[in-house]
Amino acid sequence: MNHNLKTLALGTVLCTTLLSMASCGEELPDPIVLPRTLVDIHTDWSGIDAQQRPQQYVLSVNGDNYTVASDTYQMELKSNRDYTFLAYVPVLGVDVNDGIATVKAASHSTGNAEAISGTPSTFYCAAQTITSLAGDKTSLTLPMQQTTRQLNVSLKAKVTSTDGSAVVQGGYAILSKAMATYNMYTSIASTAVDAVSDFSINATTGTITAPFNVFALDLSKDVTVQFVMFLSDGTQQRLETSIGNFVANFNDGSHSTIDIGGKVSVDGSNASVNNWTIVDMGVITPNARQ
């Protein structure tokens, strides 16, 4: 009997509660829906050769990354908020973290732990901020920019010792004052270090060429290139020369390749670093290979 009374009492309470909730339901406000804006994001590749345009790129919106495979990408974002949009193309030889692109370490052991690779792939990026996003729909254009520039340094070299016992078989070159990092939000390159790349040898023309691809150069200091040459007799020769006069406009915003070159000779039957001399630099100007 007591059990039945308890059950009846509980049922009465539940019914009363449900009726109360039902009667108050009409007085509850509608859920708050934040305004949204549909954003069309377009990447502009004007001025960049069609063959250089990638099939996809990374789009970062306030730190959230998306892989995009077309020039236009659509997103729905909360209105009345600030958004920073960053687009970049992931490439070999460059790491990206929090909007900072950093060239990877050099593969050669040069005695400089901070040395970077001299030949990362060409890096493209763009960034833009929208303050207080508003409206039902809007569009945004990100002008993609090339951030690296190619520099080729060549030597017209007499690379055989006078007795014919030693010839240059390979080696690498070190470019000083190369910027290792690039801030994609501010478009500022920084952290001047050595950049290292392998050079090629054209036996027919007797030309040694070292290619570099860097964000920028620290032109407040003298820029040098050092060739480290491995000879067939087991010795190693070094030649260091200043190229500051020839790269004075390297950071002017142009993306055309700069080619500079010179002539060297080996003096002595068993060439050593002290016997390398610049014998005729000729007329050397940017964009004109000797």
Protein backbone atom coordinates (compact mmCIF):
# COMPACT_ATOMS: atom_id res chain seq x y z
CA MET A 1 0.00 0.00 0.00
CA ASN A 2 2.77 2.41 0.96
CA HIS A 3 4.64 1.48 -2.21
CA ASN A 4 1.64 2.39 -4.38
CA LEU A 5 1.26 5.73 -2.60
CA LYS A 6 4.93 6.58 -3.22
CA THR A 7 4.62 5.72 -6.90
CA LEU A 8 1.49 7.84 -7.23
CA ALA A 9 3.17 10.77 -5.49
CA LEU A 10 6.22 10.58 -7.74
CA GLY A 11 4.06 10.43 -10.83
CA THR A 12 2.15 13.49 -9.68
CA VAL A 13 5.39 15.45 -9.22
CA LEU A 14 6.66 14.47 -12.67
CA CYS A 15 3.41 15.45 -14.34
CA THR A 16 3.38 18.75 -12.53
CA THR A 17 6.97 19.46 -13.60
CA LEU A 18 6.28 18.58 -17.23
CA LEU A 19 3.15 20.69 -17.35
CA SER A 20 5.09 23.57 -15.81
CA MET A 21 7.85 23.25 -18.41
CA ALA A 22 5.33 23.06 -21.23
CA SER A 23 3.50 26.15 -20.04
CA CYS A 24 6.77 28.10 -19.74
CA GLY A 25 8.20 26.92 -23.06
CA GLU A 26 6.58 29.73 -25.02
CA GLU A 27 8.31 32.32 -22.84
CA LEU A 28 11.90 31.06 -23.59
CA PRO A 29 13.82 33.28 -26.08
CA ASP A 30 14.95 31.91 -29.43
CA PRO A 31 18.55 30.61 -29.52
CA ILE A 32 21.09 33.34 -30.31
CA VAL A 33 22.51 32.92 -33.82
CA LEU A 34 25.71 34.86 -34.48
CA PRO A 35 25.82 36.63 -37.86
CA ARG A 36 27.92 34.95 -40.51
CA THR A 37 29.74 36.22 -43.58
CA LEU A 38 30.43 34.17 -46.70
CA VAL A 39 33.97 34.96 -47.85
CA ASP A 40 35.33 34.25 -51.33
CA ILE A 41 39.13 34.02 -51.08
CA HIS A 42 41.00 34.46 -54.34
CA THR A 43 44.74 34.06 -54.94
CA ASP A 44 46.18 36.38 -57.58
CA TRP A 45 49.22 34.99 -59.41
CA SER A 46 49.72 37.98 -61.72
CA GLY A 47 53.32 38.42 -62.81
CA ILE A 48 54.21 34.82 -62.01
CA ASP A 49 54.80 32.45 -64.89
CA ALA A 50 51.97 29.97 -65.34
CA GLN A 51 54.42 27.06 -65.21
CA GLN A 52 55.53 28.20 -61.76
CA ARG A 53 52.03 28.19 -60.29
CA PRO A 54 51.43 25.26 -57.95
CA GLN A 55 48.52 22.85 -58.08
CA GLN A 56 47.68 23.59 -54.45
CA TYR A 57 48.65 25.81 -51.56
CA VAL A 58 48.07 26.14 -47.82
CA LEU A 59 45.55 28.70 -46.56
CA SER A 60 45.84 29.66 -42.90
CA VAL A 61 42.94 31.56 -41.28
CA ASN A 62 43.75 32.71 -37.75
CA GLY A 63 46.11 29.76 -37.44
CA ASP A 64 43.75 27.09 -38.83
CA ASN A 65 45.23 25.51 -41.97
CA TYR A 66 43.41 24.33 -45.10
CA THR A 67 44.83 22.77 -48.26
CA VAL A 68 43.37 24.52 -51.31
CA ALA A 69 43.55 23.19 -54.86
CA SER A 70 41.95 26.10 -56.77
CA ASP A 71 42.44 29.85 -57.16
CA THR A 72 39.17 30.55 -55.32
CA TYR A 73 38.11 29.16 -51.96
CA GLN A 74 34.87 29.89 -50.09
CA MET A 75 34.45 29.98 -46.32
CA GLU A 76 31.67 30.95 -43.91
CA LEU A 77 33.08 32.89 -40.96
CA LYS A 78 31.59 34.60 -37.94
CA SER A 79 30.96 38.28 -38.56
CA ASN A 80 32.20 41.19 -36.44
CA ARG A 81 35.55 39.54 -35.85
CA ASP A 82 39.12 40.10 -37.06
CA TYR A 83 40.73 37.55 -39.36
CA THR A 84 44.26 37.14 -40.68
CA PHE A 85 44.57 35.20 -43.93
CA LEU A 86 47.89 33.67 -44.95
CA ALA A 87 48.52 31.71 -48.14
CA TYR A 88 51.80 29.98 -48.96
CA VAL A 89 53.15 27.17 -51.11
CA PRO A 90 55.00 24.41 -49.19
CA VAL A 91 58.33 23.76 -50.95
CA LEU A 92 61.45 21.68 -50.52
CA GLY A 93 64.06 23.23 -48.29
CA VAL A 94 61.77 25.56 -46.32
CA ASP A 95 59.96 24.96 -43.03
CA VAL A 96 56.93 27.06 -42.02
CA ASN A 97 55.83 27.70 -38.45
CA ASP A 98 53.49 30.45 -37.18
CA GLY A 99 53.90 32.54 -40.31
CA ILE A 100 57.71 32.32 -40.34
CA ALA A 101 59.43 30.58 -43.25
CA THR A 102 62.87 29.19 -42.37
CA VAL A 103 65.38 27.69 -44.78
CA LYS A 104 66.58 24.25 -43.73
CA ALA A 105 70.13 23.55 -42.57
CA ALA A 106 72.92 23.01 -45.07
CA SER A 107 73.75 19.43 -45.98
CA HIS A 108 77.49 20.13 -45.96
CA SER A 109 79.47 20.38 -42.75
CA THR A 110 81.18 23.76 -43.09
CA GLY A 111 82.07 24.36 -39.46
CA ASN A 112 79.15 26.79 -39.16
CA ALA A 113 76.20 25.18 -37.37
CA GLU A 114 73.87 27.95 -38.53
CA ALA A 115 74.60 27.51 -42.25
CA ILE A 116 71.53 26.98 -44.43
CA SER A 117 70.83 25.33 -47.75
CA GLY A 118 71.63 27.68 -50.60
CA THR A 119 69.12 26.17 -53.00
CA PRO A 120 65.63 25.88 -51.49
CA SER A 121 62.77 25.88 -53.97
CA THR A 122 61.19 29.21 -54.90
CA PHE A 123 58.84 30.31 -52.12
CA TYR A 124 55.52 32.12 -52.69
CA CYS A 125 53.19 33.63 -50.10
CA ALA A 126 50.67 36.39 -49.31
CA ALA A 127 49.02 37.70 -46.15
CA GLN A 128 46.16 40.05 -45.36
CA THR A 129 44.06 41.03 -42.33
CA ILE A 130 40.36 41.95 -42.25
CA THR A 131 39.21 43.97 -39.26
CA SER A 132 35.62 43.42 -38.09
CA LEU A 133 34.35 41.19 -40.87
CA ALA A 134 30.86 42.38 -41.89
CA GLY A 135 28.09 41.77 -44.43
CA ASP A 136 26.37 38.69 -45.77
CA LYS A 137 29.07 38.12 -48.37
CA THR A 138 32.48 39.56 -49.20
CA SER A 139 35.56 38.74 -51.24
CA LEU A 140 39.26 38.83 -50.52
CA THR A 141 42.20 38.80 -52.95
CA LEU A 142 45.61 37.58 -51.84
CA PRO A 143 48.37 38.75 -54.24
CA MET A 144 50.90 35.92 -54.23
CA GLN A 145 54.50 37.14 -54.14
CA GLN A 146 57.78 35.44 -54.91
CA THR A 147 59.98 35.87 -51.84
CA THR A 148 63.24 34.31 -53.04
CA ARG A 149 65.67 35.42 -55.72
CA GLN A 150 68.13 33.40 -57.78
CA LEU A 151 71.83 34.26 -57.82
CA ASN A 152 74.36 32.37 -59.94
CA VAL A 153 78.07 32.90 -59.36
CA SER A 154 80.41 31.51 -62.02
CA LEU A 155 84.15 31.24 -62.36
CA LYS A 156 85.91 30.87 -65.67
CA ALA A 157 88.69 28.81 -64.20
CA LYS A 158 91.99 27.31 -65.21
CA VAL A 159 91.56 24.39 -62.88
CA THR A 160 94.53 22.20 -63.80
CA SER A 161 97.85 22.64 -62.00
CA THR A 162 100.84 23.49 -64.19
CA ASP A 163 102.18 19.95 -64.05
CA GLY A 164 98.75 18.53 -64.93
CA SER A 165 98.55 16.49 -61.77
CA ALA A 166 95.48 18.04 -60.18
CA VAL A 167 92.11 19.05 -61.55
CA VAL A 168 88.96 20.24 -59.80
CA GLN A 169 86.54 17.34 -59.50
CA GLY A 170 83.78 18.91 -57.39
CA GLY A 171 82.99 20.96 -54.36
CA TYR A 172 80.61 23.53 -52.95
CA ALA A 173 80.27 27.28 -52.51
CA ILE A 174 79.41 29.40 -49.47
CA LEU A 175 77.48 32.66 -49.84
CA SER A 176 77.75 34.93 -46.81
CA LYS A 177 75.07 37.24 -45.33
CA ALA A 178 72.09 35.26 -46.70
CA MET A 179 68.82 35.71 -44.79
CA ALA A 180 67.57 32.46 -43.25
CA THR A 181 64.03 33.50 -42.26
CA TYR A 182 61.10 35.36 -43.79
CA ASN A 183 58.14 36.75 -41.84
CA MET A 184 55.16 36.26 -44.14
CA TYR A 185 53.00 38.73 -42.18
CA THR A 186 55.49 41.61 -42.31
CA SER A 187 57.39 40.65 -45.50
CA ILE A 188 60.69 41.07 -43.65
CA ALA A 189 63.66 38.73 -44.14
CA SER A 190 66.14 38.38 -41.28
CA THR A 191 68.87 36.28 -39.61
CA ALA A 192 71.96 36.62 -41.84
CA VAL A 193 73.97 33.39 -42.08
CA ASP A 194 76.03 31.41 -44.61
CA ALA A 195 74.18 29.65 -47.45
CA VAL A 196 75.81 26.56 -48.97
CA SER A 197 75.25 24.93 -52.37
CA ASP A 198 77.05 22.43 -54.58
CA PHE A 199 78.64 23.88 -57.69
CA SER A 200 78.61 22.36 -61.16
CA ILE A 201 81.57 22.04 -63.51
CA ASN A 202 81.35 22.52 -67.26
CA ALA A 203 84.50 20.82 -68.53
CA THR A 204 83.96 22.11 -72.06
CA THR A 205 83.90 25.78 -71.12
CA GLY A 206 86.00 25.44 -67.98
CA THR A 207 83.27 27.10 -65.94
CA ILE A 208 82.35 26.44 -62.31
CA THR A 209 78.86 27.67 -61.37
CA ALA A 210 77.33 27.93 -57.90
CA PRO A 211 73.55 28.54 -57.79
CA PHE A 212 71.81 30.21 -54.85
CA ASN A 213 68.17 30.99 -54.11
CA VAL A 214 67.70 33.17 -51.02
CA PHE A 215 65.15 35.48 -49.39
CA ALA A 216 67.52 38.45 -49.23
CA LEU A 217 71.08 39.49 -48.41
CA ASP A 218 72.36 41.61 -45.53
CA LEU A 219 73.84 44.41 -47.63
CA SER A 220 74.99 46.39 -44.60
CA LYS A 221 78.06 44.13 -44.60
CA ASP A 222 80.34 42.83 -47.33
CA VAL A 223 78.89 39.84 -49.18
CA THR A 224 81.37 37.16 -50.18
CA VAL A 225 81.39 33.84 -52.01
CA GLN A 226 83.84 31.12 -51.07
CA PHE A 227 84.49 28.20 -53.41
CA VAL A 228 85.66 25.00 -51.71
CA MET A 229 87.22 22.83 -54.41
CA PHE A 230 88.14 19.16 -54.24
CA LEU A 231 91.10 18.31 -56.47
CA SER A 232 91.95 14.98 -58.02
CA ASP A 233 95.20 14.74 -56.06
CA GLY A 234 93.26 14.62 -52.80
CA THR A 235 93.87 18.24 -51.81
CA GLN A 236 91.26 20.86 -51.09
CA GLN A 237 91.48 24.45 -52.33
CA ARG A 238 89.50 27.52 -51.30
CA LEU A 239 88.90 30.79 -53.10
CA GLU A 240 87.00 33.63 -51.44
CA THR A 241 86.03 36.81 -53.20
CA SER A 242 83.76 39.77 -52.53
CA ILE A 243 80.69 40.21 -54.71
CA GLY A 244 79.16 43.10 -52.76
CA ASN A 245 79.37 45.53 -55.69
CA PHE A 246 77.51 43.14 -57.94
CA VAL A 247 74.58 42.42 -55.60
CA ALA A 248 73.98 45.97 -54.37
CA ASN A 249 70.43 45.87 -55.78
CA PHE A 250 69.64 42.32 -54.73
CA ASN A 251 66.89 43.41 -52.31
CA ASP A 252 65.16 45.85 -54.68
CA GLY A 253 62.05 43.68 -55.06
CA SER A 254 62.94 42.35 -58.49
CA HIS A 255 62.80 38.62 -59.05
CA SER A 256 65.00 38.36 -62.13
CA THR A 257 67.99 36.06 -61.83
CA ILE A 258 71.36 37.71 -61.23
CA ASP A 259 74.32 36.08 -62.96
CA ILE A 260 77.84 37.22 -62.11
CA GLY A 261 81.14 35.68 -63.09
CA GLY A 262 84.88 36.05 -63.11
CA LYS A 263 88.10 34.43 -64.14
CA VAL A 264 90.68 32.74 -61.94
CA SER A 265 93.88 30.81 -62.47
CA VAL A 266 96.03 28.42 -60.49
CA ASP A 267 99.67 29.35 -60.00
CA GLY A 268 102.18 26.72 -58.99
CA SER A 269 102.76 23.05 -59.68
CA ASN A 270 100.75 22.04 -56.62
CA ALA A 271 98.08 24.70 -56.16
CA SER A 272 97.25 25.91 -52.69
CA VAL A 273 94.80 28.46 -51.37
CA ASN A 274 97.46 31.16 -51.27
CA ASN A 275 98.15 30.70 -54.96
CA TRP A 276 94.61 31.36 -56.13
CA THR A 277 94.44 34.85 -57.61
CA ILE A 278 91.80 36.90 -59.38
CA VAL A 279 93.52 37.59 -62.69
CA ASP A 280 90.74 39.17 -64.73
CA MET A 281 87.26 39.88 -63.43
CA GLY A 282 86.35 41.58 -66.68
CA VAL A 283 83.22 43.68 -66.91
CA ILE A 284 80.77 42.08 -64.51
CA THR A 285 77.25 43.42 -64.25
CA PRO A 286 74.02 41.92 -62.88
CA ASN A 287 72.16 39.74 -65.39
CA ALA A 288 75.24 39.40 -67.60
CA ARG A 289 77.17 36.15 -67.38
CA GLN A 290 80.84 36.34 -68.35
